[in-house]
Amino acid sequence: MMANPKVFVDQVKSFQGENIDEWKLKDVEPILAYEGFTYENMAKKSQAASYLANWVINIVKFNKIYK
């Protein structure tokens, strides 16, 4: 997925947060519930991982607000 960083960034930028399938939201629930899955904790491991974690957290919040 990240073999081509430009394509990956373009996919993230064009992601339609209002149109996330319910099964995907259910699949990500355990990850979001894990106390270690925060921007701060991920930043201790990798800056890129922290930004991606933050994006996931916020896109799910956006989806819930949108719906």
N, C-alpha and C. Protein backbone atom coordinates (compact mmCIF):
# COMPACT_ATOMS: atom_id res chain seq x y z
N MET A 1 0.82 -1.19 0.00
CA MET A 1 0.00 0.00 0.00
C MET A 1 0.86 1.26 0.00
N MET A 2 1.96 1.20 0.73
CA MET A 2 2.81 2.39 0.81
C MET A 2 4.07 2.27 -0.04
N ALA A 3 4.07 1.31 -0.96
CA ALA A 3 5.22 1.15 -1.84
C ALA A 3 5.43 2.41 -2.68
N ASN A 4 4.33 3.05 -3.02
CA ASN A 4 4.40 4.30 -3.77
C ASN A 4 3.79 5.39 -2.88
N PRO A 5 4.61 6.14 -2.14
CA PRO A 5 4.10 7.12 -1.19
C PRO A 5 3.17 8.17 -1.80
N LYS A 6 3.46 8.61 -3.01
CA LYS A 6 2.61 9.63 -3.63
C LYS A 6 1.20 9.10 -3.84
N VAL A 7 1.08 7.87 -4.33
CA VAL A 7 -0.24 7.26 -4.55
C VAL A 7 -0.96 7.11 -3.21
N PHE A 8 -0.23 6.66 -2.20
CA PHE A 8 -0.82 6.49 -0.87
C PHE A 8 -1.36 7.81 -0.34
N VAL A 9 -0.57 8.87 -0.41
CA VAL A 9 -1.00 10.19 0.07
C VAL A 9 -2.21 10.67 -0.73
N ASP A 10 -2.21 10.47 -2.02
CA ASP A 10 -3.35 10.86 -2.85
C ASP A 10 -4.62 10.10 -2.45
N GLN A 11 -4.48 8.82 -2.13
CA GLN A 11 -5.63 8.02 -1.71
C GLN A 11 -6.17 8.51 -0.37
N VAL A 12 -5.28 8.85 0.55
CA VAL A 12 -5.71 9.36 1.85
C VAL A 12 -6.42 10.70 1.67
N LYS A 13 -5.87 11.56 0.85
CA LYS A 13 -6.47 12.88 0.62
C LYS A 13 -7.85 12.78 -0.02
N SER A 14 -8.05 11.81 -0.88
CA SER A 14 -9.33 11.70 -1.60
C SER A 14 -10.32 10.77 -0.90
N PHE A 15 -9.96 10.25 0.26
CA PHE A 15 -10.84 9.32 0.98
C PHE A 15 -12.14 10.01 1.34
N GLN A 16 -13.25 9.33 1.08
CA GLN A 16 -14.58 9.87 1.36
C GLN A 16 -15.02 9.44 2.76
N GLY A 17 -14.74 10.25 3.75
CA GLY A 17 -15.03 9.92 5.14
C GLY A 17 -16.50 9.76 5.45
N GLU A 18 -17.35 10.36 4.65
CA GLU A 18 -18.78 10.24 4.89
C GLU A 18 -19.36 8.92 4.37
N ASN A 19 -18.58 8.19 3.58
CA ASN A 19 -19.06 6.96 2.95
C ASN A 19 -18.28 5.72 3.39
N ILE A 20 -18.09 5.53 4.69
CA ILE A 20 -17.37 4.36 5.17
C ILE A 20 -18.38 3.25 5.41
N ASP A 21 -18.10 2.08 4.86
CA ASP A 21 -18.98 0.93 5.06
C ASP A 21 -19.06 0.58 6.54
N GLU A 22 -20.24 0.16 6.96
CA GLU A 22 -20.45 -0.19 8.37
C GLU A 22 -19.52 -1.31 8.84
N TRP A 23 -19.27 -2.28 7.97
CA TRP A 23 -18.39 -3.40 8.37
C TRP A 23 -16.97 -2.91 8.63
N LYS A 24 -16.55 -1.89 7.90
CA LYS A 24 -15.21 -1.35 8.13
C LYS A 24 -15.15 -0.62 9.47
N LEU A 25 -16.22 0.11 9.80
CA LEU A 25 -16.27 0.81 11.08
C LEU A 25 -16.26 -0.20 12.23
N LYS A 26 -16.98 -1.30 12.07
CA LYS A 26 -17.00 -2.33 13.11
C LYS A 26 -15.63 -3.00 13.24
N ASP A 27 -14.96 -3.23 12.11
CA ASP A 27 -13.63 -3.85 12.15
C ASP A 27 -12.59 -2.98 12.85
N VAL A 28 -12.74 -1.68 12.76
CA VAL A 28 -11.75 -0.78 13.34
C VAL A 28 -12.04 -0.46 14.81
N GLU A 29 -13.23 -0.80 15.30
CA GLU A 29 -13.60 -0.51 16.69
C GLU A 29 -12.59 -1.05 17.71
N PRO A 30 -12.17 -2.32 17.60
CA PRO A 30 -11.20 -2.82 18.59
C PRO A 30 -9.87 -2.07 18.57
N ILE A 31 -9.48 -1.62 17.41
CA ILE A 31 -8.22 -0.86 17.30
C ILE A 31 -8.38 0.49 17.99
N LEU A 32 -9.51 1.15 17.75
CA LEU A 32 -9.75 2.45 18.37
C LEU A 32 -9.94 2.33 19.88
N ALA A 33 -10.45 1.19 20.34
CA ALA A 33 -10.67 0.97 21.77
C ALA A 33 -9.38 0.69 22.52
N TYR A 34 -8.36 0.26 21.81
CA TYR A 34 -7.08 -0.05 22.44
C TYR A 34 -6.46 1.24 22.97
N GLU A 35 -6.16 1.27 24.27
CA GLU A 35 -5.66 2.50 24.89
C GLU A 35 -4.34 2.98 24.32
N GLY A 36 -3.58 2.12 23.70
CA GLY A 36 -2.31 2.51 23.11
C GLY A 36 -2.43 3.14 21.73
N PHE A 37 -3.62 3.11 21.17
CA PHE A 37 -3.82 3.66 19.83
C PHE A 37 -4.22 5.13 19.94
N THR A 38 -3.22 5.94 20.27
CA THR A 38 -3.41 7.39 20.34
C THR A 38 -2.27 8.05 19.58
N TYR A 39 -2.48 9.29 19.26
CA TYR A 39 -1.44 10.04 18.57
C TYR A 39 -0.16 10.07 19.41
N GLU A 40 -0.32 10.33 20.70
CA GLU A 40 0.84 10.47 21.59
C GLU A 40 1.63 9.16 21.71
N ASN A 41 0.91 8.06 21.90
CA ASN A 41 1.61 6.77 22.03
C ASN A 41 2.27 6.36 20.72
N MET A 42 1.60 6.59 19.63
CA MET A 42 2.17 6.22 18.34
C MET A 42 3.37 7.10 17.99
N ALA A 43 3.36 8.34 18.45
CA ALA A 43 4.47 9.26 18.18
C ALA A 43 5.76 8.78 18.84
N LYS A 44 5.64 8.01 19.92
CA LYS A 44 6.82 7.46 20.57
C LYS A 44 7.50 6.41 19.69
N LYS A 45 6.75 5.83 18.77
CA LYS A 45 7.27 4.79 17.89
C LYS A 45 7.65 5.33 16.52
N SER A 46 6.76 6.19 15.97
CA SER A 46 6.99 6.68 14.62
C SER A 46 6.12 7.90 14.37
N GLN A 47 6.71 8.93 13.83
CA GLN A 47 5.94 10.13 13.50
C GLN A 47 4.91 9.83 12.42
N ALA A 48 5.30 9.04 11.43
CA ALA A 48 4.36 8.69 10.35
C ALA A 48 3.19 7.88 10.92
N ALA A 49 3.48 6.94 11.80
CA ALA A 49 2.42 6.13 12.41
C ALA A 49 1.49 6.99 13.25
N SER A 50 2.04 7.98 13.93
CA SER A 50 1.20 8.85 14.76
C SER A 50 0.24 9.67 13.90
N TYR A 51 0.71 10.17 12.78
CA TYR A 51 -0.15 10.93 11.88
C TYR A 51 -1.23 10.04 11.28
N LEU A 52 -0.88 8.84 10.91
CA LEU A 52 -1.85 7.92 10.34
C LEU A 52 -2.88 7.51 11.40
N ALA A 53 -2.43 7.24 12.61
CA ALA A 53 -3.36 6.91 13.69
C ALA A 53 -4.31 8.06 13.95
N ASN A 54 -3.78 9.25 13.99
CA ASN A 54 -4.61 10.44 14.20
C ASN A 54 -5.64 10.60 13.09
N TRP A 55 -5.24 10.33 11.87
CA TRP A 55 -6.16 10.42 10.74
C TRP A 55 -7.29 9.40 10.90
N VAL A 56 -6.95 8.17 11.25
CA VAL A 56 -7.97 7.12 11.43
C VAL A 56 -8.94 7.53 12.53
N ILE A 57 -8.43 7.95 13.66
CA ILE A 57 -9.28 8.36 14.78
C ILE A 57 -10.23 9.47 14.35
N ASN A 58 -9.70 10.45 13.67
CA ASN A 58 -10.52 11.61 13.29
C ASN A 58 -11.47 11.33 12.13
N ILE A 59 -11.10 10.46 11.21
CA ILE A 59 -12.00 10.16 10.10
C ILE A 59 -13.21 9.37 10.59
N VAL A 60 -12.99 8.51 11.60
CA VAL A 60 -14.11 7.76 12.18
C VAL A 60 -15.03 8.72 12.95
N LYS A 61 -14.43 9.66 13.70
CA LYS A 61 -15.24 10.67 14.41
C LYS A 61 -16.05 11.48 13.40
N PHE A 62 -15.40 11.91 12.33
CA PHE A 62 -16.08 12.68 11.29
C PHE A 62 -17.26 11.91 10.74
N ASN A 63 -17.05 10.61 10.46
CA ASN A 63 -18.11 9.78 9.90
C ASN A 63 -19.30 9.71 10.85
N LYS A 64 -19.05 9.55 12.14
CA LYS A 64 -20.14 9.47 13.11
C LYS A 64 -20.90 10.78 13.18
N ILE A 65 -20.19 11.90 13.15
CA ILE A 65 -20.84 13.20 13.18
C ILE A 65 -21.64 13.41 11.89
N TYR A 66 -21.06 13.04 10.77
CA TYR A 66 -21.72 13.22 9.47
C TYR A 66 -23.03 12.44 9.41
N LYS A 67 -23.00 11.20 9.90
CA LYS A 67 -24.20 10.36 9.85
C LYS A 67 -25.22 10.84 10.86
